[in-house]
């Protein structure tokens, strides 16, 4: 976020110079007009990038909260009830990745859960994708998808016993550079 603010300050400074140039009534000078166009384009791109980063930061903050509810899913993948907070796609990956809810959920302790991640755009994902949970105040990797850069469906298949004891647990999916991709809650029974 600090670098975003720095670029906005530079943009405002450059824009002020362009406006001064325009006020001197030399709008039709090529140098002034080119500067105006570049400043406007840069402003649009910078402000869009800042919005996405702010949204991503908010998403990461929401992911770090305690688990609350679950999306109930039977063993065949049929959604029985939905928690709107679970398994949303992070802002930086909207339109490029879709995450299906963990199934089954609630999950019997001797069973496995499966989470399907669908990638829709080539090279959109920084691999590997890692499924983690918070255990004893530290993130623990439960499973990893080494290569997810090609479009297609990828599966996390994890023994429920690795998730933790009976109770509600938050699972998080991270990309290869540590950005949160999605998160959701699983009830271990």
N, C-alpha and C. Protein backbone atom coordinates (compact mmCIF):
# COMPACT_ATOMS: atom_id res chain seq x y z
N UNK A 1 0.80 -1.20 0.00
CA UNK A 1 0.00 0.00 0.00
C UNK A 1 0.85 1.27 0.00
N UNK A 2 2.00 1.33 0.74
CA UNK A 2 2.81 2.54 0.71
C UNK A 2 3.27 2.89 -0.70
N UNK A 3 3.68 1.92 -1.52
CA UNK A 3 4.12 2.22 -2.87
C UNK A 3 2.98 2.77 -3.70
N UNK A 4 1.76 2.33 -3.44
CA UNK A 4 0.59 2.82 -4.14
C UNK A 4 0.41 4.31 -3.84
N UNK A 5 0.54 4.68 -2.57
CA UNK A 5 0.41 6.09 -2.19
C UNK A 5 1.50 6.92 -2.85
N UNK A 6 2.73 6.39 -2.89
CA UNK A 6 3.83 7.13 -3.51
C UNK A 6 3.53 7.40 -4.97
N UNK A 7 3.01 6.41 -5.69
CA UNK A 7 2.68 6.60 -7.10
C UNK A 7 1.54 7.60 -7.27
N UNK A 8 0.59 7.61 -6.36
CA UNK A 8 -0.49 8.59 -6.45
C UNK A 8 0.04 10.00 -6.23
N UNK A 9 0.98 10.16 -5.31
CA UNK A 9 1.58 11.48 -5.08
C UNK A 9 2.30 11.95 -6.33
N UNK A 10 3.07 11.06 -6.95
CA UNK A 10 3.76 11.41 -8.20
C UNK A 10 2.74 11.77 -9.27
N UNK A 11 1.66 11.01 -9.35
CA UNK A 11 0.62 11.28 -10.34
C UNK A 11 0.01 12.67 -10.13
N UNK A 12 -0.32 13.00 -8.88
CA UNK A 12 -0.91 14.31 -8.59
C UNK A 12 0.06 15.42 -8.94
N UNK A 13 1.34 15.24 -8.62
CA UNK A 13 2.36 16.23 -8.95
C UNK A 13 2.46 16.43 -10.46
N UNK A 14 2.53 15.34 -11.21
CA UNK A 14 2.61 15.43 -12.68
C UNK A 14 1.34 16.06 -13.26
N UNK A 15 0.20 15.70 -12.69
CA UNK A 15 -1.07 16.26 -13.17
C UNK A 15 -1.10 17.76 -12.95
N UNK A 16 -0.57 18.22 -11.81
CA UNK A 16 -0.54 19.66 -11.54
C UNK A 16 0.31 20.37 -12.59
N UNK A 17 1.44 19.78 -12.97
CA UNK A 17 2.28 20.38 -14.02
C UNK A 17 1.53 20.45 -15.34
N UNK A 18 0.82 19.41 -15.68
CA UNK A 18 0.06 19.39 -16.94
C UNK A 18 -1.04 20.45 -16.91
N UNK A 19 -1.71 20.59 -15.77
CA UNK A 19 -2.78 21.60 -15.66
C UNK A 19 -2.20 23.00 -15.80
N UNK A 20 -1.03 23.24 -15.17
CA UNK A 20 -0.38 24.55 -15.34
C UNK A 20 -0.08 24.82 -16.81
N UNK A 21 0.39 23.79 -17.48
CA UNK A 21 0.68 23.90 -18.91
C UNK A 21 -0.58 24.26 -19.68
N UNK A 22 -1.68 23.60 -19.36
CA UNK A 22 -2.94 23.86 -20.06
C UNK A 22 -3.46 25.26 -19.77
N UNK A 23 -3.27 25.73 -18.53
CA UNK A 23 -3.74 27.06 -18.17
C UNK A 23 -2.95 28.16 -18.88
N UNK A 24 -1.76 27.85 -19.31
CA UNK A 24 -0.97 28.84 -20.06
C UNK A 24 -1.43 28.93 -21.52
N UNK A 25 -2.50 28.23 -21.83
CA UNK A 25 -3.12 28.25 -23.15
C UNK A 25 -2.22 27.72 -24.25
N UNK A 26 -1.46 26.73 -23.90
CA UNK A 26 -0.66 26.07 -24.94
C UNK A 26 -1.14 24.63 -25.07
N UNK A 27 -2.44 24.47 -24.95
CA UNK A 27 -3.02 23.14 -24.97
C UNK A 27 -2.68 22.39 -26.25
N UNK A 28 -2.48 23.10 -27.31
CA UNK A 28 -2.25 22.42 -28.57
C UNK A 28 -0.78 22.13 -28.82
N UNK A 29 0.06 22.48 -27.87
CA UNK A 29 1.45 22.09 -28.01
C UNK A 29 1.53 20.57 -27.84
N UNK A 30 2.30 19.92 -28.67
CA UNK A 30 2.38 18.45 -28.65
C UNK A 30 2.88 17.93 -27.31
N UNK A 31 3.88 18.60 -26.77
CA UNK A 31 4.46 18.15 -25.51
C UNK A 31 3.42 18.21 -24.38
N UNK A 32 2.67 19.29 -24.31
CA UNK A 32 1.67 19.46 -23.27
C UNK A 32 0.54 18.44 -23.43
N UNK A 33 0.06 18.28 -24.64
CA UNK A 33 -1.04 17.35 -24.89
C UNK A 33 -0.61 15.91 -24.60
N UNK A 34 0.60 15.55 -25.00
CA UNK A 34 1.11 14.20 -24.73
C UNK A 34 1.22 13.96 -23.22
N UNK A 35 1.69 14.97 -22.51
CA UNK A 35 1.80 14.86 -21.05
C UNK A 35 0.44 14.68 -20.40
N UNK A 36 -0.54 15.42 -20.92
CA UNK A 36 -1.90 15.31 -20.40
C UNK A 36 -2.44 13.89 -20.60
N UNK A 37 -2.26 13.34 -21.79
CA UNK A 37 -2.75 11.98 -22.09
C UNK A 37 -2.07 10.94 -21.21
N UNK A 38 -0.76 11.05 -21.08
CA UNK A 38 -0.01 10.09 -20.26
C UNK A 38 -0.45 10.18 -18.80
N UNK A 39 -0.63 11.40 -18.29
CA UNK A 39 -1.05 11.57 -16.90
C UNK A 39 -2.43 10.97 -16.66
N UNK A 40 -3.34 11.16 -17.59
CA UNK A 40 -4.69 10.62 -17.42
C UNK A 40 -4.68 9.08 -17.45
N UNK A 41 -3.94 8.50 -18.39
CA UNK A 41 -3.85 7.04 -18.46
C UNK A 41 -3.19 6.46 -17.21
N UNK A 42 -2.11 7.08 -16.78
CA UNK A 42 -1.41 6.60 -15.59
C UNK A 42 -2.33 6.67 -14.37
N UNK A 43 -3.08 7.74 -14.26
CA UNK A 43 -4.01 7.89 -13.14
C UNK A 43 -5.06 6.80 -13.11
N UNK A 44 -5.59 6.47 -14.28
CA UNK A 44 -6.61 5.41 -14.34
C UNK A 44 -6.02 4.08 -13.90
N UNK A 45 -4.82 3.75 -14.40
CA UNK A 45 -4.21 2.46 -14.05
C UNK A 45 -3.81 2.41 -12.58
N UNK A 46 -3.24 3.50 -12.08
CA UNK A 46 -2.80 3.51 -10.69
C UNK A 46 -3.97 3.42 -9.73
N UNK A 47 -5.03 4.16 -10.00
CA UNK A 47 -6.16 4.11 -9.08
C UNK A 47 -6.83 2.75 -9.12
N UNK A 48 -6.88 2.11 -10.27
CA UNK A 48 -7.47 0.76 -10.36
C UNK A 48 -6.61 -0.22 -9.57
N UNK A 49 -5.30 -0.13 -9.68
CA UNK A 49 -4.40 -1.02 -8.95
C UNK A 49 -4.51 -0.83 -7.45
N UNK A 50 -4.68 0.41 -7.01
CA UNK A 50 -4.82 0.67 -5.58
C UNK A 50 -6.11 0.08 -5.04
N UNK A 51 -7.20 0.22 -5.81
CA UNK A 51 -8.48 -0.34 -5.38
C UNK A 51 -8.36 -1.85 -5.21
N UNK A 52 -7.75 -2.52 -6.18
CA UNK A 52 -7.61 -3.97 -6.11
C UNK A 52 -6.77 -4.37 -4.90
N UNK A 53 -5.69 -3.65 -4.64
CA UNK A 53 -4.84 -3.99 -3.50
C UNK A 53 -5.58 -3.76 -2.19
N UNK A 54 -6.35 -2.68 -2.10
CA UNK A 54 -7.14 -2.44 -0.89
C UNK A 54 -8.16 -3.56 -0.69
N UNK A 55 -8.83 -3.95 -1.78
CA UNK A 55 -9.80 -5.04 -1.70
C UNK A 55 -9.12 -6.35 -1.28
N UNK A 56 -7.93 -6.60 -1.82
CA UNK A 56 -7.19 -7.81 -1.46
C UNK A 56 -6.79 -7.79 0.01
N UNK A 57 -6.35 -6.63 0.50
CA UNK A 57 -5.99 -6.51 1.91
C UNK A 57 -7.21 -6.75 2.81
N UNK A 58 -8.36 -6.20 2.42
CA UNK A 58 -9.60 -6.43 3.18
C UNK A 58 -9.96 -7.91 3.19
N UNK A 59 -9.82 -8.55 2.03
CA UNK A 59 -10.13 -9.98 1.90
C UNK A 59 -9.22 -10.80 2.81
N UNK A 60 -7.93 -10.48 2.83
CA UNK A 60 -6.97 -11.19 3.69
C UNK A 60 -7.32 -11.00 5.17
N UNK A 61 -7.77 -9.79 5.52
CA UNK A 61 -8.17 -9.53 6.90
C UNK A 61 -9.39 -10.37 7.27
N UNK A 62 -10.35 -10.47 6.36
CA UNK A 62 -11.54 -11.29 6.60
C UNK A 62 -11.15 -12.77 6.74
N UNK A 63 -10.20 -13.21 5.94
CA UNK A 63 -9.76 -14.61 5.99
C UNK A 63 -9.10 -14.95 7.32
N UNK A 64 -8.50 -13.96 7.97
CA UNK A 64 -7.78 -14.21 9.22
C UNK A 64 -8.70 -14.27 10.44
N UNK A 65 -9.97 -13.98 10.25
CA UNK A 65 -10.92 -14.03 11.37
C UNK A 65 -11.19 -15.48 11.79
N UNK A 66 -11.79 -15.63 12.95
CA UNK A 66 -12.15 -16.97 13.45
C UNK A 66 -13.25 -17.57 12.59
N UNK A 67 -13.25 -18.90 12.46
CA UNK A 67 -14.32 -19.55 11.69
C UNK A 67 -15.67 -19.33 12.36
N UNK A 68 -16.73 -19.20 11.54
CA UNK A 68 -18.05 -18.94 12.11
C UNK A 68 -19.10 -19.96 11.68
N UNK A 69 -19.30 -20.13 10.40
CA UNK A 69 -20.35 -21.00 9.87
C UNK A 69 -19.74 -21.88 8.78
N UNK A 70 -20.56 -22.78 8.26
CA UNK A 70 -20.07 -23.63 7.17
C UNK A 70 -21.08 -23.65 6.03
N UNK A 71 -20.56 -23.96 4.85
CA UNK A 71 -21.42 -24.33 3.74
C UNK A 71 -21.58 -25.84 3.85
N UNK A 72 -22.80 -26.28 4.09
CA UNK A 72 -23.06 -27.72 4.24
C UNK A 72 -23.13 -28.36 2.86
N UNK A 73 -22.29 -29.41 2.68
CA UNK A 73 -22.19 -30.10 1.40
C UNK A 73 -22.17 -31.59 1.67
N UNK A 74 -22.97 -32.34 0.92
CA UNK A 74 -22.95 -33.80 1.11
C UNK A 74 -21.77 -34.41 0.35
N UNK A 75 -21.58 -35.70 0.49
CA UNK A 75 -20.43 -36.39 -0.10
C UNK A 75 -20.43 -36.36 -1.63
N UNK A 76 -21.60 -36.14 -2.24
CA UNK A 76 -21.66 -36.09 -3.71
C UNK A 76 -21.39 -34.68 -4.25
N UNK A 77 -21.26 -33.70 -3.35
CA UNK A 77 -20.99 -32.33 -3.77
C UNK A 77 -22.21 -31.44 -3.81
N UNK A 78 -23.37 -31.95 -3.43
CA UNK A 78 -24.60 -31.16 -3.43
C UNK A 78 -24.58 -30.20 -2.24
N UNK A 79 -24.78 -28.90 -2.54
CA UNK A 79 -24.80 -27.89 -1.48
C UNK A 79 -26.17 -27.92 -0.79
N UNK A 80 -26.14 -28.14 0.53
CA UNK A 80 -27.37 -28.23 1.32
C UNK A 80 -27.74 -26.89 1.95
N UNK A 81 -26.74 -26.13 2.36
CA UNK A 81 -26.93 -24.76 2.86
C UNK A 81 -25.62 -24.01 2.64
N UNK A 82 -25.72 -22.71 2.41
CA UNK A 82 -24.53 -21.95 2.01
C UNK A 82 -24.21 -20.84 3.00
N UNK A 83 -22.93 -20.74 3.34
CA UNK A 83 -22.39 -19.61 4.09
C UNK A 83 -21.77 -18.69 3.04
N UNK A 84 -22.33 -17.50 2.87
CA UNK A 84 -21.89 -16.58 1.81
C UNK A 84 -20.43 -16.13 1.99
N UNK A 85 -19.88 -16.31 3.19
CA UNK A 85 -18.50 -15.90 3.43
C UNK A 85 -17.49 -16.97 3.01
N UNK A 86 -17.96 -18.21 2.87
CA UNK A 86 -17.05 -19.33 2.56
C UNK A 86 -16.74 -19.44 1.07
N UNK A 87 -15.49 -19.73 0.78
CA UNK A 87 -15.00 -20.12 -0.54
C UNK A 87 -15.20 -19.06 -1.62
N UNK A 88 -15.18 -17.80 -1.20
CA UNK A 88 -15.17 -16.70 -2.18
C UNK A 88 -13.78 -16.62 -2.81
N UNK A 89 -13.71 -16.06 -4.00
CA UNK A 89 -12.43 -15.88 -4.68
C UNK A 89 -11.86 -14.52 -4.33
N UNK A 90 -10.57 -14.47 -4.06
CA UNK A 90 -9.89 -13.22 -3.73
C UNK A 90 -9.98 -12.24 -4.90
N UNK A 91 -10.02 -10.93 -4.60
CA UNK A 91 -10.14 -9.91 -5.66
C UNK A 91 -9.09 -10.03 -6.76
N UNK A 92 -7.85 -10.40 -6.42
CA UNK A 92 -6.81 -10.48 -7.46
C UNK A 92 -7.01 -11.67 -8.38
N UNK A 93 -7.89 -12.60 -8.02
CA UNK A 93 -8.12 -13.79 -8.85
C UNK A 93 -9.55 -13.90 -9.39
N UNK A 94 -10.38 -12.89 -9.19
CA UNK A 94 -11.76 -12.94 -9.69
C UNK A 94 -11.74 -13.12 -11.20
N UNK A 95 -12.54 -14.06 -11.68
CA UNK A 95 -12.62 -14.34 -13.11
C UNK A 95 -11.53 -15.27 -13.62
N UNK A 96 -10.57 -15.61 -12.76
CA UNK A 96 -9.47 -16.48 -13.16
C UNK A 96 -9.49 -17.82 -12.42
N UNK A 97 -10.05 -17.81 -11.22
CA UNK A 97 -10.10 -19.01 -10.38
C UNK A 97 -11.48 -19.11 -9.74
N UNK A 98 -11.98 -20.33 -9.63
CA UNK A 98 -13.21 -20.59 -8.88
C UNK A 98 -12.91 -21.73 -7.90
N UNK A 99 -13.37 -21.58 -6.67
CA UNK A 99 -13.15 -22.61 -5.65
C UNK A 99 -14.51 -23.15 -5.21
N UNK A 100 -14.69 -24.46 -5.32
CA UNK A 100 -15.92 -25.11 -4.87
C UNK A 100 -15.79 -25.42 -3.38
N UNK A 101 -16.91 -25.41 -2.66
CA UNK A 101 -16.87 -25.69 -1.22
C UNK A 101 -16.30 -27.08 -0.91
N UNK A 102 -15.68 -27.17 0.27
CA UNK A 102 -15.15 -28.45 0.74
C UNK A 102 -16.29 -29.45 0.87
N UNK A 103 -16.00 -30.69 0.46
CA UNK A 103 -17.02 -31.73 0.59
C UNK A 103 -16.39 -33.02 1.12
N UNK A 104 -17.05 -33.74 1.99
CA UNK A 104 -18.30 -33.36 2.65
C UNK A 104 -18.03 -32.36 3.76
N UNK A 105 -19.03 -31.65 4.15
CA UNK A 105 -18.94 -30.67 5.23
C UNK A 105 -20.30 -30.58 5.89
N UNK A 106 -20.43 -31.02 7.15
CA UNK A 106 -19.43 -31.45 8.10
C UNK A 106 -18.69 -32.71 7.63
N UNK A 107 -17.47 -32.85 8.16
CA UNK A 107 -16.59 -33.94 7.72
C UNK A 107 -16.31 -34.90 8.88
N UNK A 108 -16.63 -36.18 8.69
CA UNK A 108 -16.31 -37.18 9.72
C UNK A 108 -14.79 -37.33 9.88
N UNK A 109 -14.33 -37.48 11.10
CA UNK A 109 -12.89 -37.50 11.41
C UNK A 109 -12.12 -38.57 10.64
N UNK A 110 -12.71 -39.68 10.29
CA UNK A 110 -11.98 -40.74 9.57
C UNK A 110 -12.08 -40.63 8.06
N UNK A 111 -12.65 -39.56 7.56
CA UNK A 111 -12.91 -39.39 6.13
C UNK A 111 -11.87 -38.47 5.49
N UNK A 112 -12.07 -38.14 4.22
CA UNK A 112 -11.27 -37.16 3.49
C UNK A 112 -12.19 -36.03 3.06
N UNK A 113 -11.63 -34.82 2.93
CA UNK A 113 -12.38 -33.74 2.29
C UNK A 113 -11.74 -33.48 0.93
N UNK A 114 -12.55 -32.99 0.02
CA UNK A 114 -12.07 -32.63 -1.31
C UNK A 114 -12.49 -31.19 -1.59
N UNK A 115 -11.55 -30.41 -2.10
CA UNK A 115 -11.83 -29.03 -2.53
C UNK A 115 -11.36 -28.91 -3.96
N UNK A 116 -12.28 -28.55 -4.85
CA UNK A 116 -11.93 -28.40 -6.27
C UNK A 116 -11.66 -26.93 -6.57
N UNK A 117 -10.52 -26.70 -7.22
CA UNK A 117 -10.12 -25.37 -7.67
C UNK A 117 -10.11 -25.40 -9.19
N UNK A 118 -10.89 -24.52 -9.81
CA UNK A 118 -10.94 -24.45 -11.27
C UNK A 118 -10.23 -23.19 -11.73
N UNK A 119 -9.21 -23.37 -12.56
CA UNK A 119 -8.45 -22.26 -13.15
C UNK A 119 -8.99 -22.05 -14.56
N UNK A 120 -9.33 -20.81 -14.90
CA UNK A 120 -9.95 -20.53 -16.19
C UNK A 120 -9.06 -19.77 -17.16
N UNK A 121 -7.90 -19.28 -16.71
CA UNK A 121 -7.02 -18.46 -17.54
C UNK A 121 -5.59 -19.01 -17.48
N UNK A 122 -4.92 -19.12 -18.63
CA UNK A 122 -3.53 -19.57 -18.67
C UNK A 122 -2.64 -18.65 -17.84
N UNK A 123 -1.73 -19.24 -17.08
CA UNK A 123 -0.72 -18.52 -16.30
C UNK A 123 -1.30 -17.45 -15.37
N UNK A 124 -2.52 -17.64 -14.90
CA UNK A 124 -3.12 -16.68 -13.99
C UNK A 124 -2.68 -16.91 -12.55
N UNK A 125 -2.21 -18.12 -12.26
CA UNK A 125 -1.91 -18.52 -10.88
C UNK A 125 -0.42 -18.67 -10.67
N UNK A 126 0.05 -18.12 -9.56
CA UNK A 126 1.43 -18.36 -9.15
C UNK A 126 1.44 -19.69 -8.39
N UNK A 127 2.00 -20.72 -9.00
CA UNK A 127 2.05 -22.05 -8.37
C UNK A 127 3.20 -22.10 -7.39
N UNK A 128 3.13 -23.00 -6.42
CA UNK A 128 2.07 -23.98 -6.16
C UNK A 128 0.93 -23.34 -5.36
N UNK A 129 -0.24 -23.96 -5.44
CA UNK A 129 -1.35 -23.60 -4.57
C UNK A 129 -1.22 -24.44 -3.31
N UNK A 130 -1.42 -23.80 -2.16
CA UNK A 130 -1.28 -24.51 -0.88
C UNK A 130 -2.56 -24.37 -0.06
N UNK A 131 -3.04 -25.49 0.45
CA UNK A 131 -4.17 -25.50 1.37
C UNK A 131 -3.60 -25.55 2.78
N UNK A 132 -3.99 -24.57 3.61
CA UNK A 132 -3.44 -24.49 4.96
C UNK A 132 -4.57 -24.31 5.97
N UNK A 133 -4.23 -24.60 7.22
CA UNK A 133 -5.12 -24.26 8.32
C UNK A 133 -4.29 -23.65 9.44
N UNK A 134 -4.97 -22.98 10.36
CA UNK A 134 -4.29 -22.41 11.51
C UNK A 134 -4.37 -23.43 12.64
N UNK A 135 -3.21 -23.94 13.05
CA UNK A 135 -3.15 -24.97 14.09
C UNK A 135 -2.09 -24.56 15.10
N UNK A 136 -2.46 -24.49 16.37
CA UNK A 136 -1.54 -24.06 17.43
C UNK A 136 -0.88 -22.73 17.10
N UNK A 137 -1.66 -21.76 16.64
CA UNK A 137 -1.22 -20.40 16.32
C UNK A 137 -0.19 -20.32 15.20
N UNK A 138 -0.15 -21.31 14.33
CA UNK A 138 0.71 -21.21 13.15
C UNK A 138 0.01 -21.87 11.97
N UNK A 139 0.37 -21.41 10.77
CA UNK A 139 -0.21 -21.99 9.57
C UNK A 139 0.45 -23.32 9.27
N UNK A 140 -0.36 -24.32 9.02
CA UNK A 140 0.12 -25.67 8.72
C UNK A 140 -0.36 -26.02 7.32
N UNK A 141 0.57 -26.47 6.46
CA UNK A 141 0.22 -26.88 5.11
C UNK A 141 -0.39 -28.27 5.15
N UNK A 142 -1.61 -28.39 4.59
CA UNK A 142 -2.31 -29.67 4.54
C UNK A 142 -2.11 -30.38 3.21
N UNK A 143 -2.04 -29.61 2.14
CA UNK A 143 -1.91 -30.19 0.80
C UNK A 143 -1.38 -29.12 -0.15
N UNK A 144 -0.85 -29.58 -1.27
CA UNK A 144 -0.25 -28.67 -2.25
C UNK A 144 -0.56 -29.14 -3.66
N UNK A 145 -0.87 -28.19 -4.52
CA UNK A 145 -1.01 -28.47 -5.95
C UNK A 145 0.19 -27.82 -6.62
N UNK A 146 1.14 -28.65 -7.05
CA UNK A 146 2.42 -28.15 -7.57
C UNK A 146 2.27 -27.23 -8.78
N UNK A 147 1.47 -27.63 -9.74
CA UNK A 147 1.36 -26.89 -11.00
C UNK A 147 -0.10 -26.63 -11.31
N UNK A 148 -0.50 -25.36 -11.29
CA UNK A 148 -1.90 -25.01 -11.57
C UNK A 148 -1.97 -23.85 -12.55
N UNK A 149 -0.97 -23.75 -13.45
CA UNK A 149 -0.94 -22.60 -14.36
C UNK A 149 -1.80 -22.80 -15.61
N UNK A 150 -2.16 -24.03 -15.93
CA UNK A 150 -3.01 -24.29 -17.09
C UNK A 150 -4.47 -24.31 -16.67
N UNK A 151 -5.38 -23.87 -17.55
CA UNK A 151 -6.80 -23.97 -17.23
C UNK A 151 -7.19 -25.42 -16.98
N UNK A 152 -8.09 -25.61 -16.03
CA UNK A 152 -8.56 -26.94 -15.69
C UNK A 152 -8.97 -27.03 -14.24
N UNK A 153 -9.38 -28.22 -13.83
CA UNK A 153 -9.80 -28.45 -12.44
C UNK A 153 -8.68 -29.17 -11.69
N UNK A 154 -8.41 -28.70 -10.49
CA UNK A 154 -7.39 -29.27 -9.63
C UNK A 154 -8.04 -29.60 -8.29
N UNK A 155 -7.58 -30.67 -7.64
CA UNK A 155 -8.20 -31.12 -6.40
C UNK A 155 -7.23 -31.13 -5.23
N UNK A 156 -7.71 -30.59 -4.11
CA UNK A 156 -7.08 -30.84 -2.82
C UNK A 156 -7.87 -32.00 -2.22
N UNK A 157 -7.17 -33.05 -1.80
CA UNK A 157 -7.82 -34.23 -1.20
C UNK A 157 -7.07 -34.50 0.10
N UNK A 158 -7.71 -34.23 1.23
CA UNK A 158 -7.01 -34.20 2.52
C UNK A 158 -7.72 -35.06 3.56
N UNK A 159 -6.96 -35.87 4.31
CA UNK A 159 -7.57 -36.60 5.43
C UNK A 159 -8.09 -35.61 6.48
N UNK A 160 -9.31 -35.80 6.91
CA UNK A 160 -9.92 -34.90 7.90
C UNK A 160 -9.10 -34.87 9.18
N UNK A 161 -8.47 -35.97 9.53
CA UNK A 161 -7.67 -36.03 10.76
C UNK A 161 -6.52 -35.04 10.75
N UNK A 162 -6.04 -34.62 9.56
CA UNK A 162 -4.97 -33.62 9.48
C UNK A 162 -5.47 -32.21 9.80
N UNK A 163 -6.76 -31.98 9.59
CA UNK A 163 -7.31 -30.64 9.78
C UNK A 163 -7.28 -30.24 11.25
N UNK A 164 -7.58 -31.19 12.12
CA UNK A 164 -7.55 -30.89 13.54
C UNK A 164 -8.61 -31.68 14.28
N UNK A 165 -8.74 -31.40 15.58
CA UNK A 165 -9.71 -32.14 16.40
C UNK A 165 -11.14 -31.75 16.03
N UNK A 166 -12.08 -32.43 16.66
CA UNK A 166 -13.50 -32.13 16.44
C UNK A 166 -13.73 -30.64 16.72
N UNK A 167 -14.43 -29.99 15.80
CA UNK A 167 -14.72 -28.56 15.94
C UNK A 167 -14.67 -27.86 14.59
N UNK A 168 -14.79 -26.54 14.64
CA UNK A 168 -14.82 -25.71 13.44
C UNK A 168 -13.42 -25.20 13.12
N UNK A 169 -13.01 -25.34 11.86
CA UNK A 169 -11.67 -24.96 11.44
C UNK A 169 -11.73 -24.11 10.17
N UNK A 170 -10.86 -23.09 10.11
CA UNK A 170 -10.75 -22.26 8.90
C UNK A 170 -9.63 -22.81 8.04
N UNK A 171 -9.95 -23.09 6.76
CA UNK A 171 -8.95 -23.51 5.78
C UNK A 171 -8.71 -22.36 4.83
N UNK A 172 -7.45 -22.19 4.44
CA UNK A 172 -7.07 -21.09 3.56
C UNK A 172 -6.28 -21.63 2.38
N UNK A 173 -6.51 -21.07 1.20
CA UNK A 173 -5.74 -21.44 0.01
C UNK A 173 -4.87 -20.25 -0.36
N UNK A 174 -3.56 -20.51 -0.49
CA UNK A 174 -2.59 -19.48 -0.86
C UNK A 174 -1.95 -19.83 -2.19
N UNK A 175 -1.52 -18.79 -2.92
CA UNK A 175 -0.76 -19.04 -4.15
C UNK A 175 0.72 -19.14 -3.81
N UNK A 176 1.55 -19.30 -4.84
CA UNK A 176 2.98 -19.51 -4.65
C UNK A 176 3.74 -18.33 -4.10
N UNK A 177 3.14 -17.12 -4.12
CA UNK A 177 3.82 -15.95 -3.55
C UNK A 177 3.19 -15.51 -2.24
N UNK A 178 2.30 -16.35 -1.71
CA UNK A 178 1.73 -16.08 -0.40
C UNK A 178 0.46 -15.26 -0.38
N UNK A 179 -0.13 -14.95 -1.54
CA UNK A 179 -1.40 -14.22 -1.57
C UNK A 179 -2.54 -15.19 -1.28
N UNK A 180 -3.51 -14.72 -0.51
CA UNK A 180 -4.69 -15.54 -0.23
C UNK A 180 -5.54 -15.64 -1.50
N UNK A 181 -5.98 -16.85 -1.82
CA UNK A 181 -6.80 -17.11 -3.00
C UNK A 181 -8.26 -17.29 -2.59
N UNK A 182 -8.49 -18.04 -1.51
CA UNK A 182 -9.84 -18.31 -1.01
C UNK A 182 -9.73 -18.86 0.40
N UNK A 183 -10.86 -18.93 1.08
CA UNK A 183 -10.89 -19.53 2.41
C UNK A 183 -12.31 -20.01 2.70
N UNK A 184 -12.40 -20.93 3.64
CA UNK A 184 -13.71 -21.43 4.06
C UNK A 184 -13.57 -22.24 5.33
N UNK A 185 -14.70 -22.53 5.93
CA UNK A 185 -14.71 -23.23 7.21
C UNK A 185 -15.20 -24.66 7.06
N UNK A 186 -14.59 -25.56 7.83
CA UNK A 186 -14.95 -26.98 7.82
C UNK A 186 -15.24 -27.41 9.25
N UNK A 187 -16.34 -28.13 9.42
CA UNK A 187 -16.70 -28.67 10.72
C UNK A 187 -16.27 -30.12 10.78
N UNK A 188 -15.30 -30.41 11.67
CA UNK A 188 -14.84 -31.78 11.87
C UNK A 188 -15.71 -32.41 12.95
N UNK A 189 -16.27 -33.60 12.62
CA UNK A 189 -17.14 -34.30 13.59
C UNK A 189 -16.53 -35.62 14.01
